[in-house]
Amino acid sequence: MHDSDAFHESLRRAIGEHSQSLIKVSFAYLKNTADAEEAAQDTFLAYLQKRPVFESREHEKAWLIRTAINKSKNMLKAGWFKSRHPVPEDLSYLPKEESEVLQAVLALDGKYRLPIHLHYYEGYSIQEIAAILQAKPATVGTWLARGRMILKQKIGGLDHEEVCL
């Protein structure tokens, strides 16, 4: 895409379509809305600077999510981020059940939290998550199963029912 107007239009469309998803993915890592919004903003800045060409809209979304994950990880590594004491997010606006589930998901270790978020909240398949996280599908399946098991222990449920997010 060499035409500047066409590129800017694709950027506007991507921002409109994917902003909320990128904020949610970043929030799964950073556990703070302001930091998640900053990571999403940095993702779109990278899009603007690199001007990538995509094979499809799915490829574009996967690139944006992968970039948001990397931006979030970089923020977590930063010295200023490690030394601060984040204010807990206020989830009181959610119904009690949703708040409990979301708190339990956010308390998961990152290797379980992100696949669970991508699968249940973003609707990605195991194969798509594997491509985004650069892992084997079997590994992603294991992360999802273990994450569900941990959630089941934390929030309860019957032995024969699946955790519903």
Protein backbone atom coordinates (compact mmCIF):
# COMPACT_ATOMS: atom_id res chain seq x y z
CA MET A 1 0.00 0.00 0.00
CA HIS A 2 1.99 2.95 -1.26
CA ASP A 3 -0.83 5.46 -1.56
CA SER A 4 -0.74 7.63 1.54
CA ASP A 5 -4.50 8.29 1.58
CA ALA A 6 -5.26 4.58 1.28
CA PHE A 7 -2.80 3.79 4.07
CA HIS A 8 -4.28 6.40 6.39
CA GLU A 9 -7.77 5.08 5.64
CA SER A 10 -6.65 1.52 6.49
CA LEU A 11 -5.10 2.84 9.71
CA ARG A 12 -8.35 4.62 10.65
CA ARG A 13 -10.32 1.46 9.92
CA ALA A 14 -7.89 -0.67 11.97
CA ILE A 15 -8.15 1.73 14.91
CA GLY A 16 -11.94 1.63 14.74
CA GLU A 17 -12.12 -2.15 14.43
CA HIS A 18 -9.33 -3.29 16.74
CA SER A 19 -8.75 -0.68 19.47
CA GLN A 20 -10.95 -2.37 22.06
CA SER A 21 -9.48 -5.82 21.36
CA LEU A 22 -5.93 -4.52 21.72
CA ILE A 23 -6.78 -2.75 24.97
CA LYS A 24 -8.30 -5.98 26.33
CA VAL A 25 -5.31 -8.07 25.28
CA SER A 26 -2.92 -5.55 26.83
CA PHE A 27 -5.07 -5.39 29.97
CA ALA A 28 -4.67 -9.16 30.33
CA TYR A 29 -0.93 -8.52 30.72
CA LEU A 30 -0.78 -5.15 32.44
CA LYS A 31 -3.91 -5.32 34.65
CA ASN A 32 -4.38 -1.57 34.36
CA THR A 33 -6.63 0.27 31.92
CA ALA A 34 -4.38 3.31 31.41
CA ASP A 35 -1.33 1.13 30.71
CA ALA A 36 -3.37 -1.08 28.38
CA GLU A 37 -4.55 1.98 26.46
CA GLU A 38 -0.95 3.17 26.18
CA ALA A 39 0.18 -0.21 24.84
CA ALA A 40 -2.62 -0.13 22.26
CA GLN A 41 -1.63 3.40 21.28
CA ASP A 42 2.00 2.30 20.91
CA THR A 43 0.79 -0.58 18.73
CA PHE A 44 -0.95 1.81 16.34
CA LEU A 45 2.11 4.05 16.37
CA ALA A 46 4.19 1.05 15.25
CA TYR A 47 1.61 0.40 12.52
CA LEU A 48 1.99 4.00 11.35
CA GLN A 49 5.80 3.89 11.42
CA LYS A 50 6.30 0.46 9.84
CA ARG A 51 3.45 0.64 7.32
CA PRO A 52 3.11 -3.15 7.08
CA VAL A 53 1.35 -4.77 4.15
CA PHE A 54 -1.10 -7.52 5.10
CA GLU A 55 -2.42 -10.51 3.19
CA SER A 56 -5.86 -10.22 4.78
CA ARG A 57 -7.79 -8.57 7.60
CA GLU A 58 -7.11 -11.62 9.78
CA HIS A 59 -3.38 -11.18 9.16
CA GLU A 60 -3.69 -7.52 10.10
CA LYS A 61 -5.51 -8.32 13.36
CA ALA A 62 -3.00 -11.04 14.25
CA TRP A 63 -0.11 -8.60 13.61
CA LEU A 64 -1.76 -5.95 15.78
CA ILE A 65 -2.38 -8.41 18.64
CA ARG A 66 1.18 -9.77 18.46
CA THR A 67 2.54 -6.21 18.50
CA ALA A 68 0.28 -5.26 21.45
CA ILE A 69 1.53 -8.33 23.35
CA ASN A 70 5.14 -7.32 22.68
CA LYS A 71 4.47 -3.71 23.71
CA SER A 72 2.82 -4.95 26.93
CA LYS A 73 5.73 -7.27 27.71
CA ASN A 74 8.18 -4.43 27.13
CA MET A 75 6.22 -2.25 29.56
CA LEU A 76 6.37 -5.01 32.17
CA LYS A 77 10.15 -5.21 31.78
CA ALA A 78 10.65 -1.47 32.23
CA GLY A 79 12.20 -0.46 35.54
CA TRP A 80 9.61 2.25 36.23
CA PHE A 81 6.80 -0.28 35.77
CA LYS A 82 8.29 -2.77 38.22
CA SER A 83 8.86 -0.18 40.94
CA ARG A 84 5.39 1.33 41.01
CA HIS A 85 2.39 0.23 43.03
CA PRO A 86 -0.58 0.03 40.66
CA VAL A 87 -4.02 1.05 41.82
CA PRO A 88 -6.40 -1.93 41.60
CA GLU A 89 -8.98 -1.62 38.85
CA ASP A 90 -12.52 -0.89 40.02
CA LEU A 91 -14.75 -3.62 38.62
CA SER A 92 -17.80 -2.65 40.69
CA TYR A 93 -19.73 -1.71 37.55
CA LEU A 94 -19.79 -5.39 36.50
CA PRO A 95 -22.36 -7.86 37.81
CA LYS A 96 -20.90 -9.75 40.78
CA GLU A 97 -20.49 -13.03 38.87
CA GLU A 98 -18.68 -11.38 35.94
CA SER A 99 -16.43 -9.46 38.29
CA GLU A 100 -15.46 -12.65 40.15
CA VAL A 101 -14.70 -14.49 36.91
CA LEU A 102 -12.69 -11.59 35.50
CA GLN A 103 -10.73 -11.23 38.76
CA ALA A 104 -9.99 -14.97 38.68
CA VAL A 105 -8.86 -14.77 35.03
CA LEU A 106 -6.64 -11.76 35.77
CA ALA A 107 -5.08 -13.60 38.73
CA LEU A 108 -3.92 -16.43 36.47
CA ASP A 109 -0.30 -16.75 35.45
CA GLY A 110 0.33 -15.02 32.11
CA LYS A 111 0.81 -18.24 30.17
CA TYR A 112 -2.77 -19.21 31.06
CA ARG A 113 -4.35 -15.75 31.25
CA LEU A 114 -3.65 -14.65 27.67
CA PRO A 115 -4.77 -17.86 25.91
CA ILE A 116 -7.96 -17.87 28.01
CA HIS A 117 -8.59 -14.24 27.11
CA LEU A 118 -7.94 -14.78 23.41
CA HIS A 119 -10.10 -17.91 23.29
CA TYR A 120 -13.10 -16.90 25.41
CA TYR A 121 -13.17 -13.13 25.10
CA GLU A 122 -11.80 -12.64 21.56
CA GLY A 123 -13.11 -15.87 20.01
CA TYR A 124 -9.84 -17.21 18.58
CA SER A 125 -9.33 -20.91 17.89
CA ILE A 126 -6.42 -22.85 19.36
CA GLN A 127 -4.61 -22.75 16.00
CA GLU A 128 -5.04 -18.98 15.73
CA ILE A 129 -3.83 -18.46 19.31
CA ALA A 130 -0.81 -20.66 18.57
CA ALA A 131 0.07 -18.47 15.59
CA ILE A 132 -0.37 -15.26 17.59
CA LEU A 133 1.65 -16.48 20.59
CA GLN A 134 4.18 -18.30 18.41
CA ALA A 135 3.57 -21.60 20.20
CA LYS A 136 2.48 -25.08 19.17
CA PRO A 137 -1.29 -25.73 19.10
CA ALA A 138 -0.84 -28.62 21.55
CA THR A 139 0.88 -26.26 23.98
CA VAL A 140 -1.94 -23.73 23.68
CA GLY A 141 -4.46 -26.51 24.30
CA THR A 142 -2.56 -27.50 27.44
CA TRP A 143 -2.48 -23.88 28.66
CA LEU A 144 -6.23 -23.57 28.11
CA ALA A 145 -6.96 -26.85 29.91
CA ARG A 146 -4.74 -25.96 32.87
CA GLY A 147 -6.11 -22.42 33.01
CA ARG A 148 -9.68 -23.76 33.05
CA MET A 149 -8.73 -26.22 35.79
CA ILE A 150 -7.25 -23.44 37.93
CA LEU A 151 -10.33 -21.26 37.32
CA LYS A 152 -12.60 -24.15 38.25
CA GLN A 153 -10.72 -24.55 41.54
CA LYS A 154 -10.89 -20.81 42.26
CA ILE A 155 -14.49 -20.07 41.33
CA GLY A 156 -16.04 -23.48 41.79
CA GLY A 157 -18.29 -25.54 39.62
CA LEU A 158 -19.41 -29.10 39.25
CA ASP A 159 -16.96 -31.81 38.25
CA HIS A 160 -18.68 -32.51 34.94
CA GLU A 161 -19.27 -28.92 33.81
CA GLU A 162 -16.90 -26.77 31.80
CA VAL A 163 -15.87 -23.33 33.03
CA CYS A 164 -17.97 -20.77 31.17
CA LEU A 165 -16.37 -17.35 30.68
